[in-house]
Amino acid sequence: IIEDAGSIEYAREHALELAADARAAVDELDLDAET
């Protein structure tokens, strides 16, 4: 039921959006390129 509802894709997309927002926060830190 969970798979057929497309819930795995929905959750993964949401996690990817959060990860993108997290990377935007990193850009505010002015860290070196390696970190």
PDB file of all heavy atoms in Angstrom:
ATOM      1  N   ILE A   1       0.845  -1.199   0.000  1.00  0.00           N
ATOM      2  CA  ILE A   1       0.000   0.000   0.000  1.00  0.00           C
ATOM      3  C   ILE A   1       0.877   1.245   0.000  1.00  0.00           C
ATOM      4  O   ILE A   1       0.636   2.209  -0.748  1.00  0.00           O
ATOM      5  CB  ILE A   1      -0.946  -0.002   1.222  1.00  0.00           C
ATOM      6  CG1 ILE A   1      -1.981  -1.124   1.091  1.00  0.00           C
ATOM      7  CG2 ILE A   1      -1.642   1.359   1.373  1.00  0.00           C
ATOM      8  CD1 ILE A   1      -2.818  -1.340   2.338  1.00  0.00           C
ATOM      9  N   ILE A   2       1.912   1.241   0.832  1.00  0.00           N
ATOM     10  CA  ILE A   2       2.816   2.390   0.917  1.00  0.00           C
ATOM     11  C   ILE A   2       3.538   2.595  -0.413  1.00  0.00           C
ATOM     12  O   ILE A   2       3.649   3.720  -0.910  1.00  0.00           O
ATOM     13  CB  ILE A   2       3.822   2.179   2.065  1.00  0.00           C
ATOM     14  CG1 ILE A   2       3.097   2.232   3.419  1.00  0.00           C
ATOM     15  CG2 ILE A   2       4.944   3.214   2.022  1.00  0.00           C
ATOM     16  CD1 ILE A   2       3.926   1.782   4.598  1.00  0.00           C
ATOM     17  N   GLU A   3       3.982   1.512  -1.003  1.00  0.00           N
ATOM     18  CA  GLU A   3       4.687   1.601  -2.283  1.00  0.00           C
ATOM     19  C   GLU A   3       3.755   2.082  -3.390  1.00  0.00           C
ATOM     20  O   GLU A   3       4.118   2.977  -4.178  1.00  0.00           O
ATOM     21  CB  GLU A   3       5.276   0.242  -2.645  1.00  0.00           C
ATOM     22  CG  GLU A   3       6.105   0.246  -3.918  1.00  0.00           C
ATOM     23  CD  GLU A   3       6.689  -1.111  -4.236  1.00  0.00           C
ATOM     24  OE1 GLU A   3       6.066  -2.145  -3.861  1.00  0.00           O
ATOM     25  OE2 GLU A   3       7.746  -1.155  -4.875  1.00  0.00           O
ATOM     26  N   ASP A   4       2.556   1.529  -3.452  1.00  0.00           N
ATOM     27  CA  ASP A   4       1.610   1.882  -4.519  1.00  0.00           C
ATOM     28  C   ASP A   4       1.145   3.332  -4.423  1.00  0.00           C
ATOM     29  O   ASP A   4       0.776   3.933  -5.442  1.00  0.00           O
ATOM     30  CB  ASP A   4       0.387   0.952  -4.464  1.00  0.00           C
ATOM     31  CG  ASP A   4       0.735  -0.487  -4.835  1.00  0.00           C
ATOM     32  OD1 ASP A   4       1.830  -0.704  -5.397  1.00  0.00           O
ATOM     33  OD2 ASP A   4      -0.078  -1.391  -4.533  1.00  0.00           O
ATOM     34  N   ALA A   5       1.162   3.899  -3.222  1.00  0.00           N
ATOM     35  CA  ALA A   5       0.742   5.295  -3.049  1.00  0.00           C
ATOM     36  C   ALA A   5       1.813   6.284  -3.490  1.00  0.00           C
ATOM     37  O   ALA A   5       1.579   7.501  -3.490  1.00  0.00           O
ATOM     38  CB  ALA A   5       0.380   5.540  -1.583  1.00  0.00           C
ATOM     39  N   GLY A   6       2.977   5.769  -3.882  1.00  0.00           N
ATOM     40  CA  GLY A   6       4.070   6.655  -4.278  1.00  0.00           C
ATOM     41  C   GLY A   6       4.747   7.314  -3.083  1.00  0.00           C
ATOM     42  O   GLY A   6       5.442   8.325  -3.236  1.00  0.00           O
ATOM     43  N   SER A   7       4.592   6.706  -1.908  1.00  0.00           N
ATOM     44  CA  SER A   7       5.081   7.342  -0.681  1.00  0.00           C
ATOM     45  C   SER A   7       6.589   7.280  -0.545  1.00  0.00           C
ATOM     46  O   SER A   7       7.187   8.165   0.078  1.00  0.00           O
ATOM     47  CB  SER A   7       4.408   6.696   0.533  1.00  0.00           C
ATOM     48  OG  SER A   7       3.001   6.839   0.449  1.00  0.00           O
ATOM     49  N   ILE A   8       7.202   6.256  -1.124  1.00  0.00           N
ATOM     50  CA  ILE A   8       8.665   6.181  -1.070  1.00  0.00           C
ATOM     51  C   ILE A   8       9.265   7.334  -1.865  1.00  0.00           C
ATOM     52  O   ILE A   8      10.177   8.030  -1.393  1.00  0.00           O
ATOM     53  CB  ILE A   8       9.162   4.825  -1.604  1.00  0.00           C
ATOM     54  CG1 ILE A   8       8.662   3.684  -0.712  1.00  0.00           C
ATOM     55  CG2 ILE A   8      10.687   4.811  -1.695  1.00  0.00           C
ATOM     56  CD1 ILE A   8       8.964   2.298  -1.250  1.00  0.00           C
ATOM     57  N   GLU A   9       8.738   7.552  -3.059  1.00  0.00           N
ATOM     58  CA  GLU A   9       9.247   8.649  -3.900  1.00  0.00           C
ATOM     59  C   GLU A   9       8.976  10.001  -3.246  1.00  0.00           C
ATOM     60  O   GLU A   9       9.819  10.904  -3.276  1.00  0.00           O
ATOM     61  CB  GLU A   9       8.596   8.597  -5.281  1.00  0.00           C
ATOM     62  CG  GLU A   9       8.999   7.396  -6.123  1.00  0.00           C
ATOM     63  CD  GLU A   9       8.265   6.108  -5.724  1.00  0.00           C
ATOM     64  OE1 GLU A   9       7.347   6.175  -4.870  1.00  0.00           O
ATOM     65  OE2 GLU A   9       8.621   5.043  -6.254  1.00  0.00           O
ATOM     66  N   TYR A  10       7.784  10.131  -2.658  1.00  0.00           N
ATOM     67  CA  TYR A  10       7.432  11.384  -1.981  1.00  0.00           C
ATOM     68  C   TYR A  10       8.417  11.676  -0.852  1.00  0.00           C
ATOM     69  O   TYR A  10       8.927  12.801  -0.718  1.00  0.00           O
ATOM     70  CB  TYR A  10       6.017  11.289  -1.421  1.00  0.00           C
ATOM     71  CG  TYR A  10       5.669  12.347  -0.397  1.00  0.00           C
ATOM     72  CD1 TYR A  10       5.305  13.638  -0.792  1.00  0.00           C
ATOM     73  CD2 TYR A  10       5.692  12.054   0.967  1.00  0.00           C
ATOM     74  CE1 TYR A  10       4.992  14.604   0.152  1.00  0.00           C
ATOM     75  CE2 TYR A  10       5.376  13.012   1.917  1.00  0.00           C
ATOM     76  CZ  TYR A  10       5.032  14.283   1.505  1.00  0.00           C
ATOM     77  OH  TYR A  10       4.727  15.246   2.440  1.00  0.00           O
ATOM     78  N   ALA A  11       8.688  10.674  -0.011  1.00  0.00           N
ATOM     79  CA  ALA A  11       9.581  10.871   1.130  1.00  0.00           C
ATOM     80  C   ALA A  11      11.008  11.166   0.664  1.00  0.00           C
ATOM     81  O   ALA A  11      11.684  12.044   1.227  1.00  0.00           O
ATOM     82  CB  ALA A  11       9.560   9.638   2.033  1.00  0.00           C
ATOM     83  N   ARG A  12      11.456  10.450  -0.362  1.00  0.00           N
ATOM     84  CA  ARG A  12      12.810  10.692  -0.860  1.00  0.00           C
ATOM     85  C   ARG A  12      12.939  12.102  -1.421  1.00  0.00           C
ATOM     86  O   ARG A  12      13.956  12.779  -1.183  1.00  0.00           O
ATOM     87  CB  ARG A  12      13.183   9.660  -1.923  1.00  0.00           C
ATOM     88  CG  ARG A  12      14.587   9.879  -2.479  1.00  0.00           C
ATOM     89  CD  ARG A  12      15.036   8.773  -3.418  1.00  0.00           C
ATOM     90  NE  ARG A  12      15.387   7.574  -2.681  1.00  0.00           N
ATOM     91  CZ  ARG A  12      14.665   6.454  -2.684  1.00  0.00           C
ATOM     92  NH1 ARG A  12      13.550   6.380  -3.393  1.00  0.00           N
ATOM     93  NH2 ARG A  12      15.062   5.402  -1.998  1.00  0.00           N
ATOM     94  N   GLU A  13      11.941  12.561  -2.140  1.00  0.00           N
ATOM     95  CA  GLU A  13      11.982  13.911  -2.692  1.00  0.00           C
ATOM     96  C   GLU A  13      12.041  14.946  -1.573  1.00  0.00           C
ATOM     97  O   GLU A  13      12.773  15.938  -1.664  1.00  0.00           O
ATOM     98  CB  GLU A  13      10.754  14.152  -3.579  1.00  0.00           C
ATOM     99  CG  GLU A  13      10.731  15.509  -4.262  1.00  0.00           C
ATOM    100  CD  GLU A  13      11.914  15.714  -5.208  1.00  0.00           C
ATOM    101  OE1 GLU A  13      12.386  14.724  -5.806  1.00  0.00           O
ATOM    102  OE2 GLU A  13      12.370  16.870  -5.326  1.00  0.00           O
ATOM    103  N   HIS A  14      11.281  14.694  -0.508  1.00  0.00           N
ATOM    104  CA  HIS A  14      11.295  15.632   0.614  1.00  0.00           C
ATOM    105  C   HIS A  14      12.662  15.630   1.293  1.00  0.00           C
ATOM    106  O   HIS A  14      13.180  16.693   1.672  1.00  0.00           O
ATOM    107  CB  HIS A  14      10.213  15.274   1.631  1.00  0.00           C
ATOM    108  CG  HIS A  14       9.819  16.424   2.502  1.00  0.00           C
ATOM    109  ND1 HIS A  14       8.807  17.297   2.187  1.00  0.00           N
ATOM    110  CD2 HIS A  14      10.345  16.874   3.669  1.00  0.00           C
ATOM    111  CE1 HIS A  14       8.704  18.220   3.125  1.00  0.00           C
ATOM    112  NE2 HIS A  14       9.630  17.981   4.040  1.00  0.00           N
ATOM    113  N   ALA A  15      13.252  14.447   1.452  1.00  0.00           N
ATOM    114  CA  ALA A  15      14.581  14.360   2.060  1.00  0.00           C
ATOM    115  C   ALA A  15      15.617  15.093   1.198  1.00  0.00           C
ATOM    116  O   ALA A  15      16.507  15.774   1.724  1.00  0.00           O
ATOM    117  CB  ALA A  15      14.978  12.906   2.254  1.00  0.00           C
ATOM    118  N   LEU A  16      15.500  14.975  -0.112  1.00  0.00           N
ATOM    119  CA  LEU A  16      16.420  15.663  -1.007  1.00  0.00           C
ATOM    120  C   LEU A  16      16.269  17.176  -0.911  1.00  0.00           C
ATOM    121  O   LEU A  16      17.254  17.919  -0.979  1.00  0.00           O
ATOM    122  CB  LEU A  16      16.192  15.196  -2.449  1.00  0.00           C
ATOM    123  CG  LEU A  16      16.653  13.764  -2.759  1.00  0.00           C
ATOM    124  CD1 LEU A  16      16.148  13.327  -4.127  1.00  0.00           C
ATOM    125  CD2 LEU A  16      18.175  13.659  -2.684  1.00  0.00           C
ATOM    126  N   GLU A  17      15.038  17.645  -0.737  1.00  0.00           N
ATOM    127  CA  GLU A  17      14.808  19.084  -0.551  1.00  0.00           C
ATOM    128  C   GLU A  17      15.452  19.580   0.739  1.00  0.00           C
ATOM    129  O   GLU A  17      16.063  20.662   0.786  1.00  0.00           O
ATOM    130  CB  GLU A  17      13.303  19.370  -0.535  1.00  0.00           C
ATOM    131  CG  GLU A  17      12.623  19.200  -1.885  1.00  0.00           C
ATOM    132  CD  GLU A  17      11.107  19.353  -1.786  1.00  0.00           C
ATOM    133  OE1 GLU A  17      10.622  19.668  -0.685  1.00  0.00           O
ATOM    134  OE2 GLU A  17      10.428  19.152  -2.811  1.00  0.00           O
ATOM    135  N   LEU A  18      15.318  18.798   1.804  1.00  0.00           N
ATOM    136  CA  LEU A  18      15.954  19.161   3.065  1.00  0.00           C
ATOM    137  C   LEU A  18      17.472  19.202   2.918  1.00  0.00           C
ATOM    138  O   LEU A  18      18.141  20.094   3.453  1.00  0.00           O
ATOM    139  CB  LEU A  18      15.562  18.173   4.164  1.00  0.00           C
ATOM    140  CG  LEU A  18      14.103  18.203   4.622  1.00  0.00           C
ATOM    141  CD1 LEU A  18      13.816  17.003   5.529  1.00  0.00           C
ATOM    142  CD2 LEU A  18      13.795  19.499   5.363  1.00  0.00           C
ATOM    143  N   ALA A  19      18.013  18.224   2.189  1.00  0.00           N
ATOM    144  CA  ALA A  19      19.454  18.184   1.973  1.00  0.00           C
ATOM    145  C   ALA A  19      19.919  19.409   1.192  1.00  0.00           C
ATOM    146  O   ALA A  19      20.988  19.975   1.474  1.00  0.00           O
ATOM    147  CB  ALA A  19      19.830  16.903   1.236  1.00  0.00           C
ATOM    148  N   ALA A  20      19.124  19.828   0.226  1.00  0.00           N
ATOM    149  CA  ALA A  20      19.474  21.026  -0.547  1.00  0.00           C
ATOM    150  C   ALA A  20      19.450  22.266   0.346  1.00  0.00           C
ATOM    151  O   ALA A  20      20.328  23.139   0.247  1.00  0.00           O
ATOM    152  CB  ALA A  20      18.510  21.189  -1.720  1.00  0.00           C
ATOM    153  N   ASP A  21      18.453  22.361   1.221  1.00  0.00           N
ATOM    154  CA  ASP A  21      18.389  23.483   2.160  1.00  0.00           C
ATOM    155  C   ASP A  21      19.578  23.461   3.118  1.00  0.00           C
ATOM    156  O   ASP A  21      20.107  24.514   3.496  1.00  0.00           O
ATOM    157  CB  ASP A  21      17.086  23.433   2.960  1.00  0.00           C
ATOM    158  CG  ASP A  21      15.853  23.733   2.105  1.00  0.00           C
ATOM    159  OD1 ASP A  21      16.027  24.320   1.013  1.00  0.00           O
ATOM    160  OD2 ASP A  21      14.743  23.382   2.520  1.00  0.00           O
ATOM    161  N   ALA A  22      20.002  22.256   3.505  1.00  0.00           N
ATOM    162  CA  ALA A  22      21.165  22.124   4.386  1.00  0.00           C
ATOM    163  C   ALA A  22      22.420  22.646   3.689  1.00  0.00           C
ATOM    164  O   ALA A  22      23.238  23.356   4.296  1.00  0.00           O
ATOM    165  CB  ALA A  22      21.352  20.668   4.802  1.00  0.00           C
ATOM    166  N   ARG A  23      22.566  22.325   2.410  1.00  0.00           N
ATOM    167  CA  ARG A  23      23.736  22.810   1.671  1.00  0.00           C
ATOM    168  C   ARG A  23      23.718  24.327   1.549  1.00  0.00           C
ATOM    169  O   ARG A  23      24.773  24.978   1.575  1.00  0.00           O
ATOM    170  CB  ARG A  23      23.799  22.150   0.298  1.00  0.00           C
ATOM    171  CG  ARG A  23      24.156  20.666   0.351  1.00  0.00           C
ATOM    172  CD  ARG A  23      24.485  20.101  -1.010  1.00  0.00           C
ATOM    173  NE  ARG A  23      23.312  20.024  -1.870  1.00  0.00           N
ATOM    174  CZ  ARG A  23      22.464  19.004  -1.879  1.00  0.00           C
ATOM    175  NH1 ARG A  23      22.648  17.976  -1.065  1.00  0.00           N
ATOM    176  NH2 ARG A  23      21.434  18.986  -2.699  1.00  0.00           N
ATOM    177  N   ALA A  24      22.535  24.906   1.445  1.00  0.00           N
ATOM    178  CA  ALA A  24      22.438  26.367   1.392  1.00  0.00           C
ATOM    179  C   ALA A  24      22.925  26.980   2.700  1.00  0.00           C
ATOM    180  O   ALA A  24      23.550  28.057   2.704  1.00  0.00           O
ATOM    181  CB  ALA A  24      20.994  26.782   1.111  1.00  0.00           C
ATOM    182  N   ALA A  25      22.657  26.307   3.819  1.00  0.00           N
ATOM    183  CA  ALA A  25      23.135  26.805   5.114  1.00  0.00           C
ATOM    184  C   ALA A  25      24.654  26.750   5.195  1.00  0.00           C
ATOM    185  O   ALA A  25      25.281  27.621   5.806  1.00  0.00           O
ATOM    186  CB  ALA A  25      22.508  25.998   6.254  1.00  0.00           C
ATOM    187  N   VAL A  26      25.251  25.728   4.576  1.00  0.00           N
ATOM    188  CA  VAL A  26      26.715  25.618   4.559  1.00  0.00           C
ATOM    189  C   VAL A  26      27.334  26.830   3.864  1.00  0.00           C
ATOM    190  O   VAL A  26      28.396  27.327   4.273  1.00  0.00           O
ATOM    191  CB  VAL A  26      27.153  24.321   3.847  1.00  0.00           C
ATOM    192  CG1 VAL A  26      28.671  24.288   3.639  1.00  0.00           C
ATOM    193  CG2 VAL A  26      26.715  23.108   4.639  1.00  0.00           C
ATOM    194  N   ASP A  27      26.672  27.323   2.828  1.00  0.00           N
ATOM    195  CA  ASP A  27      27.201  28.445   2.067  1.00  0.00           C
ATOM    196  C   ASP A  27      27.319  29.710   2.918  1.00  0.00           C
ATOM    197  O   ASP A  27      28.067  30.634   2.576  1.00  0.00           O
ATOM    198  CB  ASP A  27      26.323  28.721   0.852  1.00  0.00           C
ATOM    199  CG  ASP A  27      26.357  27.585  -0.167  1.00  0.00           C
ATOM    200  OD1 ASP A  27      27.339  26.817  -0.154  1.00  0.00           O
ATOM    201  OD2 ASP A  27      25.398  27.451  -0.946  1.00  0.00           O
ATOM    202  N   GLU A  28      26.593  29.757   4.030  1.00  0.00           N
ATOM    203  CA  GLU A  28      26.663  30.915   4.919  1.00  0.00           C
ATOM    204  C   GLU A  28      27.849  30.836   5.879  1.00  0.00           C
ATOM    205  O   GLU A  28      28.119  31.793   6.610  1.00  0.00           O
ATOM    206  CB  GLU A  28      25.368  31.031   5.729  1.00  0.00           C
ATOM    207  CG  GLU A  28      24.110  31.205   4.893  1.00  0.00           C
ATOM    208  CD  GLU A  28      22.855  31.258   5.763  1.00  0.00           C
ATOM    209  OE1 GLU A  28      22.977  31.709   6.922  1.00  0.00           O
ATOM    210  OE2 GLU A  28      21.794  30.844   5.285  1.00  0.00           O
ATOM    211  N   LEU A  29      28.567  29.721   5.897  1.00  0.00           N
ATOM    212  CA  LEU A  29      29.614  29.508   6.890  1.00  0.00           C
ATOM    213  C   LEU A  29      30.993  29.981   6.451  1.00  0.00           C
ATOM    214  O   LEU A  29      31.907  30.082   7.270  1.00  0.00           O
ATOM    215  CB  LEU A  29      29.684  28.018   7.250  1.00  0.00           C
ATOM    216  CG  LEU A  29      28.462  27.450   7.974  1.00  0.00           C
ATOM    217  CD1 LEU A  29      28.583  25.933   8.118  1.00  0.00           C
ATOM    218  CD2 LEU A  29      28.319  28.095   9.347  1.00  0.00           C
ATOM    219  N   ASP A  30      31.194  30.219   5.163  1.00  0.00           N
ATOM    220  CA  ASP A  30      32.496  30.660   4.646  1.00  0.00           C
ATOM    221  C   ASP A  30      33.624  29.719   5.050  1.00  0.00           C
ATOM    222  O   ASP A  30      34.695  30.144   5.505  1.00  0.00           O
ATOM    223  CB  ASP A  30      32.815  32.086   5.139  1.00  0.00           C
ATOM    224  CG  ASP A  30      31.782  33.095   4.675  1.00  0.00           C
ATOM    225  OD1 ASP A  30      31.292  32.956   3.535  1.00  0.00           O
ATOM    226  OD2 ASP A  30      31.445  34.011   5.453  1.00  0.00           O
ATOM    227  N   LEU A  31      33.388  28.426   4.869  1.00  0.00           N
ATOM    228  CA  LEU A  31      34.392  27.428   5.202  1.00  0.00           C
ATOM    229  C   LEU A  31      35.305  27.181   4.010  1.00  0.00           C
ATOM    230  O   LEU A  31      35.001  27.581   2.880  1.00  0.00           O
ATOM    231  CB  LEU A  31      33.708  26.118   5.611  1.00  0.00           C
ATOM    232  CG  LEU A  31      32.832  26.183   6.864  1.00  0.00           C
ATOM    233  CD1 LEU A  31      32.026  24.900   7.002  1.00  0.00           C
ATOM    234  CD2 LEU A  31      33.672  26.433   8.106  1.00  0.00           C
ATOM    235  N   ASP A  32      36.422  26.496   4.238  1.00  0.00           N
ATOM    236  CA  ASP A  32      37.313  26.150   3.135  1.00  0.00           C
ATOM    237  C   ASP A  32      36.628  25.156   2.207  1.00  0.00           C
ATOM    238  O   ASP A  32      35.655  24.489   2.575  1.00  0.00           O
ATOM    239  CB  ASP A  32      38.624  25.564   3.667  1.00  0.00           C
ATOM    240  CG  ASP A  32      38.412  24.273   4.439  1.00  0.00           C
ATOM    241  OD1 ASP A  32      38.166  24.354   5.660  1.00  0.00           O
ATOM    242  OD2 ASP A  32      38.468  23.206   3.826  1.00  0.00           O
ATOM    243  N   ALA A  33      37.167  25.034   1.009  1.00  0.00           N
ATOM    244  CA  ALA A  33      36.526  24.213  -0.025  1.00  0.00           C
ATOM    245  C   ALA A  33      36.428  22.753   0.382  1.00  0.00           C
ATOM    246  O   ALA A  33      35.418  22.086   0.110  1.00  0.00           O
ATOM    247  CB  ALA A  33      37.289  24.348  -1.339  1.00  0.00           C
ATOM    248  N   GLU A  34      37.461  22.226   1.056  1.00  0.00           N
ATOM    249  CA  GLU A  34      37.451  20.810   1.432  1.00  0.00           C
ATOM    250  C   GLU A  34      36.350  20.520   2.454  1.00  0.00           C
ATOM    251  O   GLU A  34      35.619  19.531   2.321  1.00  0.00           O
ATOM    252  CB  GLU A  34      38.802  20.401   2.007  1.00  0.00           C
ATOM    253  CG  GLU A  34      38.876  18.922   2.368  1.00  0.00           C
ATOM    254  CD  GLU A  34      40.230  18.511   2.918  1.00  0.00           C
ATOM    255  OE1 GLU A  34      41.144  19.361   2.954  1.00  0.00           O
ATOM    256  OE2 GLU A  34      40.372  17.339   3.312  1.00  0.00           O
ATOM    257  N   THR A  35      36.219  21.368   3.468  1.00  0.00           N
ATOM    258  CA  THR A  35      35.177  21.164   4.477  1.00  0.00           C
ATOM    259  C   THR A  35      33.796  21.323   3.866  1.00  0.00           C
ATOM    260  O   THR A  35      32.882  20.540   4.156  1.00  0.00           O
ATOM    261  CB  THR A  35      35.350  22.158   5.641  1.00  0.00           C
ATOM    262  OG1 THR A  35      36.649  21.993   6.219  1.00  0.00           O
ATOM    263  CG2 THR A  35      34.285  21.932   6.714  1.00  0.00           C
TER     264      THR A  35
END
